[in-house]
Amino acid sequence: MKESIRVFSPATVANVACGFDVLGFALESPGDEIEVRKKDEPGFTVINKTKDTVFPADVNKNTAVVSLQAYLQHIGSDQGFEITFHSKIKPGSGIGSSSASAAASVFAVNELLGNPLKQIDLVQFAMQGEKAAAGVAHADNVAPAILGGFVLVRSYAPLDLIEIPFPDDLYCTIIHPQIEVKTEDARKILRKGITLKDAVTQWGNIAGLIAGLMKGDHALIGRSLTDVIIEPIRSMLIPGYDAVKEAAMQAGALGGSISGSGPSMFALSSSEETAIKVAKAMKETFSKYEIENHSYVSKINKQGPKVL
């Protein structure tokens, strides 16, 4: 059995406009790259070889470690591990930084120990890392990070995950303005109640989005990417949000919204060529607001983590 393993785990887009806390998808890039090595003694060691990324001083607050603790307790193992981060999604970017770390760690250790659990069973442990990072054990990032593709969280109690088919020609543009939006703060500003009218609109959109993905209907995907509950509030935290979104649509995007709790924004397109044009338009618009930004164009990741 292997003593060490190197793994890539994908960035993810959560919520996907109308699917707050119940829908997410994985990206081919960017992602986390970690190496996990068995130790002779119990416990965990975290080594950071990434640039400009600070890890918690307390190793037990690291999302990878928290997830592994839950996993090892479940299988009844006291095996120790050394975790080395070689590349890291920038924390606070809104594309699943904590989720990628949690997913990578449990996937890697499950591989090292001979795959005692199925891949879908790893999600519950990675959720504990999310809870440590954001205070809520949600699965809309970690589920696609582990399973790949689009994943619907039909239920949290009990956890019920549904993998959603999607068209092969779908591309995602991510634009990450270099501003800070903390997940905890983005949750605090949300409304505690919503109108029945808004609820009905949102139900229709999430159902339409799932149907559009399964049917490969680009037009239906586009008109369903509308969020009338979360986006109107959280978009106020992102300067130039409306103008950037409009620029993406004018460049040919099917639709888009905030990625996770932000500040990153995402847009879906029906080709790589369009997705590149969308990235250019979004970058240029953010630049008018004198906000430094980074962009990514990616296919949808179908497999989740992979051994390197």
Protein backbone atom coordinates (compact mmCIF):
# COMPACT_ATOMS: atom_id res chain seq x y z
CA MET A 1 0.00 0.00 0.00
CA LYS A 2 1.26 3.51 -0.85
CA GLU A 3 2.90 5.67 1.80
CA SER A 4 2.17 8.99 0.09
CA ILE A 5 -0.07 10.44 -2.59
CA ARG A 6 -0.40 13.73 -4.46
CA VAL A 7 -3.91 14.93 -5.34
CA PHE A 8 -5.61 17.75 -7.24
CA SER A 9 -9.00 18.96 -5.96
CA PRO A 10 -11.13 21.40 -7.98
CA ALA A 11 -12.48 24.83 -7.23
CA THR A 12 -16.26 24.98 -7.17
CA VAL A 13 -19.14 27.38 -7.76
CA ALA A 14 -21.85 27.14 -5.11
CA ASN A 15 -25.46 28.34 -5.15
CA VAL A 16 -25.39 28.74 -8.97
CA ALA A 17 -27.73 31.76 -8.74
CA CYS A 18 -31.09 30.32 -7.66
CA GLY A 19 -29.74 27.23 -5.83
CA PHE A 20 -28.71 28.73 -2.49
CA ASP A 21 -27.01 26.03 -0.35
CA VAL A 22 -28.39 23.20 -2.55
CA LEU A 23 -26.55 23.37 -5.89
CA GLY A 24 -22.93 23.58 -6.99
CA PHE A 25 -20.54 22.52 -9.74
CA ALA A 26 -16.85 21.78 -10.06
CA LEU A 27 -14.26 23.46 -12.31
CA GLU A 28 -11.33 21.96 -14.20
CA SER A 29 -9.19 24.82 -12.92
CA PRO A 30 -8.13 26.34 -10.62
CA GLY A 31 -7.83 24.02 -7.63
CA ASP A 32 -5.80 22.81 -4.67
CA GLU A 33 -2.83 20.48 -5.00
CA ILE A 34 -1.79 18.60 -1.87
CA GLU A 35 0.53 15.76 -0.93
CA VAL A 36 -0.45 13.45 1.93
CA ARG A 37 2.10 11.18 3.58
CA LYS A 38 1.61 8.59 6.33
CA LYS A 39 3.35 9.23 9.66
CA ASP A 40 4.66 6.65 12.12
CA GLU A 41 2.79 8.30 14.97
CA PRO A 42 -0.81 9.57 15.33
CA GLY A 43 -1.65 13.22 14.68
CA PHE A 44 -1.30 15.70 11.85
CA THR A 45 1.40 17.95 10.46
CA VAL A 46 0.54 20.70 7.96
CA ILE A 47 3.25 22.11 5.68
CA ASN A 48 2.49 25.18 3.58
CA LYS A 49 4.45 25.55 0.33
CA THR A 50 1.96 27.94 -1.25
CA LYS A 51 2.53 31.64 -1.81
CA ASP A 52 0.60 34.39 0.00
CA THR A 53 -1.58 31.93 1.93
CA VAL A 54 -1.71 31.87 5.73
CA PHE A 55 -2.94 28.76 7.51
CA PRO A 56 -4.48 28.70 11.01
CA ALA A 57 -1.89 28.59 13.79
CA ASP A 58 -3.89 25.77 15.39
CA VAL A 59 -3.56 22.78 13.05
CA ASN A 60 -6.90 21.43 14.35
CA LYS A 61 -8.67 24.44 12.78
CA ASN A 62 -7.38 23.59 9.32
CA THR A 63 -10.26 22.40 7.14
CA ALA A 64 -8.23 19.48 5.79
CA VAL A 65 -7.35 18.30 9.28
CA VAL A 66 -10.88 18.73 10.65
CA SER A 67 -12.26 16.68 7.76
CA LEU A 68 -9.65 13.96 8.27
CA GLN A 69 -10.35 13.78 11.99
CA ALA A 70 -14.02 13.10 11.25
CA TYR A 71 -13.12 10.52 8.58
CA LEU A 72 -10.59 8.62 10.71
CA GLN A 73 -12.91 8.58 13.71
CA HIS A 74 -15.62 7.06 11.52
CA ILE A 75 -13.40 4.23 10.23
CA GLY A 76 -11.74 3.72 13.62
CA SER A 77 -8.17 4.58 12.62
CA ASP A 78 -5.47 6.50 14.53
CA GLN A 79 -3.13 6.73 11.54
CA GLY A 80 -1.20 10.01 11.44
CA PHE A 81 -0.59 12.09 8.33
CA GLU A 82 1.61 14.89 7.02
CA ILE A 83 -0.27 17.21 4.65
CA THR A 84 1.71 19.46 2.30
CA PHE A 85 -0.08 22.16 0.31
CA HIS A 86 1.71 22.79 -2.99
CA SER A 87 -0.92 25.14 -4.46
CA LYS A 88 -3.99 26.69 -2.94
CA ILE A 89 -7.10 28.49 -4.12
CA LYS A 90 -6.94 31.92 -2.56
CA PRO A 91 -8.99 31.88 0.67
CA GLY A 92 -12.06 34.09 0.62
CA SER A 93 -12.31 34.04 -3.18
CA GLY A 94 -15.80 32.52 -3.30
CA ILE A 95 -14.78 29.48 -5.36
CA GLY A 96 -14.51 26.87 -2.63
CA SER A 97 -11.07 27.29 -1.09
CA SER A 98 -11.97 25.51 2.16
CA SER A 99 -13.97 22.89 0.27
CA ALA A 100 -11.11 21.99 -2.05
CA SER A 101 -8.79 21.43 0.92
CA ALA A 102 -11.35 19.33 2.75
CA ALA A 103 -12.18 17.29 -0.36
CA ALA A 104 -8.53 16.75 -1.28
CA SER A 105 -7.59 15.49 2.17
CA VAL A 106 -10.35 12.91 2.64
CA PHE A 107 -10.03 11.72 -0.97
CA ALA A 108 -6.25 11.32 -0.62
CA VAL A 109 -6.40 9.44 2.69
CA ASN A 110 -9.23 7.21 1.50
CA GLU A 111 -6.99 6.28 -1.45
CA LEU A 112 -3.97 5.67 0.80
CA LEU A 113 -6.00 3.38 3.06
CA GLY A 114 -7.32 1.26 0.21
CA ASN A 115 -10.67 3.03 -0.41
CA PRO A 116 -12.67 1.69 2.56
CA LEU A 117 -15.44 4.17 1.70
CA LYS A 118 -17.16 5.10 -1.55
CA GLN A 119 -16.41 8.55 -2.96
CA ILE A 120 -19.93 9.84 -2.27
CA ASP A 121 -19.58 8.83 1.40
CA LEU A 122 -16.62 11.21 1.81
CA VAL A 123 -18.84 14.29 1.47
CA GLN A 124 -20.16 14.09 5.04
CA PHE A 125 -16.62 14.34 6.44
CA ALA A 126 -15.55 17.19 4.16
CA MET A 127 -18.66 19.06 5.36
CA GLN A 128 -17.12 19.18 8.83
CA GLY A 129 -14.20 21.13 7.37
CA GLU A 130 -16.70 23.56 5.86
CA LYS A 131 -18.31 23.96 9.28
CA ALA A 132 -14.93 24.82 10.79
CA ALA A 133 -14.29 27.41 8.08
CA ALA A 134 -17.71 29.07 7.72
CA GLY A 135 -19.74 27.94 10.72
CA VAL A 136 -22.20 25.94 8.58
CA ALA A 137 -21.79 22.34 7.39
CA HIS A 138 -23.19 22.95 3.90
CA ALA A 139 -22.48 20.63 0.97
CA ASP A 140 -22.98 22.75 -2.16
CA ASN A 141 -19.20 23.22 -2.50
CA VAL A 142 -17.78 19.99 -1.07
CA ALA A 143 -20.20 17.66 -2.89
CA PRO A 144 -19.17 18.77 -6.40
CA ALA A 145 -15.54 19.05 -5.24
CA ILE A 146 -15.63 15.34 -4.39
CA LEU A 147 -18.05 14.03 -7.05
CA GLY A 148 -17.40 16.45 -9.92
CA GLY A 149 -20.03 17.95 -12.22
CA PHE A 150 -23.26 19.55 -10.98
CA VAL A 151 -24.58 18.21 -7.68
CA LEU A 152 -27.96 18.92 -6.10
CA VAL A 153 -28.30 18.62 -2.34
CA ARG A 154 -31.89 17.38 -2.19
CA SER A 155 -31.80 17.02 1.60
CA TYR A 156 -29.42 17.65 4.49
CA ALA A 157 -31.26 15.45 6.99
CA PRO A 158 -30.59 12.82 5.84
CA LEU A 159 -27.92 13.89 3.36
CA ASP A 160 -29.20 13.12 -0.16
CA LEU A 161 -27.00 14.09 -3.09
CA ILE A 162 -28.12 13.97 -6.74
CA GLU A 163 -25.61 14.19 -9.61
CA ILE A 164 -27.13 16.23 -12.44
CA PRO A 165 -26.24 15.56 -16.12
CA PHE A 166 -25.13 18.65 -18.05
CA PRO A 167 -24.18 19.53 -21.65
CA ASP A 168 -20.55 18.83 -22.59
CA ASP A 169 -20.12 22.21 -24.30
CA LEU A 170 -20.75 24.21 -21.12
CA TYR A 171 -17.92 26.55 -20.05
CA CYS A 172 -17.59 28.73 -16.98
CA THR A 173 -15.96 32.13 -16.66
CA ILE A 174 -14.85 33.18 -13.17
CA ILE A 175 -13.87 36.76 -12.36
CA HIS A 176 -12.30 37.35 -8.95
CA PRO A 177 -12.15 41.02 -7.91
CA GLN A 178 -9.40 41.54 -5.36
CA ILE A 179 -11.69 42.59 -2.52
CA GLU A 180 -12.63 40.70 0.63
CA VAL A 181 -16.08 39.31 1.39
CA LYS A 182 -16.14 36.93 4.37
CA THR A 183 -18.66 34.09 4.19
CA GLU A 184 -19.79 34.75 7.76
CA ASP A 185 -20.47 38.42 6.94
CA ALA A 186 -22.24 37.55 3.68
CA ARG A 187 -24.59 35.27 5.62
CA LYS A 188 -25.31 37.84 8.32
CA ILE A 189 -26.81 40.34 5.87
CA LEU A 190 -29.31 37.90 4.37
CA ARG A 191 -33.00 38.46 4.97
CA LYS A 192 -34.56 36.26 7.66
CA GLY A 193 -37.83 35.94 5.74
CA ILE A 194 -38.97 36.05 2.12
CA THR A 195 -42.29 36.65 0.39
CA LEU A 196 -44.30 33.81 -1.10
CA LYS A 197 -43.99 35.53 -4.48
CA ASP A 198 -40.18 35.43 -4.32
CA ALA A 199 -40.22 31.84 -3.09
CA VAL A 200 -42.39 30.71 -6.02
CA THR A 201 -40.12 32.54 -8.48
CA GLN A 202 -37.03 30.92 -6.98
CA TRP A 203 -38.58 27.43 -7.01
CA GLY A 204 -39.43 27.85 -10.67
CA ASN A 205 -35.89 28.96 -11.50
CA ILE A 206 -34.10 26.13 -9.69
CA ALA A 207 -36.43 23.58 -11.29
CA GLY A 208 -35.89 25.22 -14.69
CA LEU A 209 -32.11 25.20 -14.24
CA ILE A 210 -32.04 21.50 -13.36
CA ALA A 211 -34.31 20.72 -16.33
CA GLY A 212 -32.16 22.85 -18.65
CA LEU A 213 -28.96 21.09 -17.56
CA MET A 214 -30.48 17.64 -18.00
CA LYS A 215 -32.01 18.46 -21.39
CA GLY A 216 -28.96 20.35 -22.65
CA ASP A 217 -31.21 23.34 -23.28
CA HIS A 218 -28.92 26.39 -23.23
CA ALA A 219 -31.77 28.90 -23.46
CA LEU A 220 -33.55 27.34 -20.49
CA ILE A 221 -30.33 27.29 -18.48
CA GLY A 222 -29.82 30.97 -19.24
CA ARG A 223 -33.27 32.21 -18.30
CA SER A 224 -33.27 30.09 -15.13
CA LEU A 225 -30.02 31.59 -13.80
CA THR A 226 -31.97 34.23 -11.90
CA ASP A 227 -31.78 34.73 -8.15
CA VAL A 228 -34.43 37.01 -6.60
CA ILE A 229 -33.57 36.25 -2.96
CA ILE A 230 -29.80 36.19 -2.28
CA GLU A 231 -28.18 38.10 -5.17
CA PRO A 232 -30.01 41.42 -4.60
CA ILE A 233 -28.54 41.58 -1.08
CA ARG A 234 -25.06 40.16 -1.56
CA SER A 235 -24.39 42.03 -4.81
CA MET A 236 -24.21 45.24 -2.78
CA LEU A 237 -20.90 43.96 -1.35
CA ILE A 238 -19.32 43.86 -4.84
CA PRO A 239 -18.62 47.29 -6.42
CA GLY A 240 -19.73 47.44 -10.06
CA TYR A 241 -21.62 44.16 -9.82
CA ASP A 242 -24.57 45.07 -12.07
CA ALA A 243 -22.32 46.57 -14.75
CA VAL A 244 -20.01 43.54 -14.76
CA LYS A 245 -22.94 41.13 -15.03
CA GLU A 246 -24.46 43.15 -17.87
CA ALA A 247 -21.09 43.13 -19.68
CA ALA A 248 -21.01 39.33 -19.42
CA MET A 249 -24.48 39.06 -20.91
CA GLN A 250 -23.64 41.45 -23.73
CA ALA A 251 -20.57 39.32 -24.52
CA GLY A 252 -22.79 36.27 -25.00
CA ALA A 253 -23.00 34.56 -21.60
CA LEU A 254 -26.06 32.40 -20.95
CA GLY A 255 -26.29 33.90 -17.47
CA GLY A 256 -24.39 34.25 -14.24
CA SER A 257 -24.37 35.40 -10.65
CA ILE A 258 -22.23 35.49 -7.51
CA SER A 259 -20.03 32.46 -6.93
CA GLY A 260 -20.71 31.20 -3.42
CA SER A 261 -20.75 34.15 -1.06
CA GLY A 262 -18.47 36.19 -3.34
CA PRO A 263 -16.61 38.25 -4.23
CA SER A 264 -16.04 36.11 -7.33
CA MET A 265 -18.68 36.14 -10.03
CA PHE A 266 -19.39 33.36 -12.51
CA ALA A 267 -20.94 33.22 -15.97
CA LEU A 268 -21.87 30.15 -18.02
CA SER A 269 -21.39 30.03 -21.79
CA SER A 270 -22.09 27.49 -24.52
CA SER A 271 -18.54 27.52 -25.93
CA GLU A 272 -14.96 28.23 -24.89
CA GLU A 273 -14.74 31.05 -27.45
CA THR A 274 -17.69 32.83 -25.86
CA ALA A 275 -16.41 32.20 -22.33
CA ILE A 276 -13.11 33.90 -23.24
CA LYS A 277 -14.98 36.92 -24.64
CA VAL A 278 -17.04 37.03 -21.45
CA ALA A 279 -13.89 37.02 -19.33
CA LYS A 280 -12.46 39.94 -21.31
CA ALA A 281 -15.67 41.95 -20.95
CA MET A 282 -15.94 41.31 -17.21
CA LYS A 283 -12.27 42.20 -16.61
CA GLU A 284 -12.55 45.44 -18.58
CA THR A 285 -15.66 46.47 -16.69
CA PHE A 286 -14.14 45.81 -13.27
CA SER A 287 -11.07 47.77 -14.36
CA LYS A 288 -13.29 50.82 -14.94
CA TYR A 289 -13.98 50.70 -11.20
CA GLU A 290 -10.22 50.50 -10.58
CA ILE A 291 -10.59 47.05 -9.02
CA GLU A 292 -7.77 44.59 -9.67
CA ASN A 293 -9.13 41.24 -10.76
CA HIS A 294 -8.20 37.78 -11.96
CA SER A 295 -10.17 35.62 -14.39
CA TYR A 296 -10.40 31.93 -15.22
CA VAL A 297 -12.09 30.09 -18.07
CA SER A 298 -12.82 26.45 -17.39
CA LYS A 299 -14.79 23.45 -18.54
CA ILE A 300 -16.96 21.73 -15.96
CA ASN A 301 -14.96 19.14 -14.02
CA LYS A 302 -16.59 15.72 -14.35
CA GLN A 303 -14.59 13.59 -11.91
CA GLY A 304 -13.78 15.64 -8.80
CA PRO A 305 -10.33 15.06 -7.26
CA LYS A 306 -7.68 13.13 -9.14
CA VAL A 307 -4.41 11.44 -8.25
CA LEU A 308 -1.44 13.19 -9.83
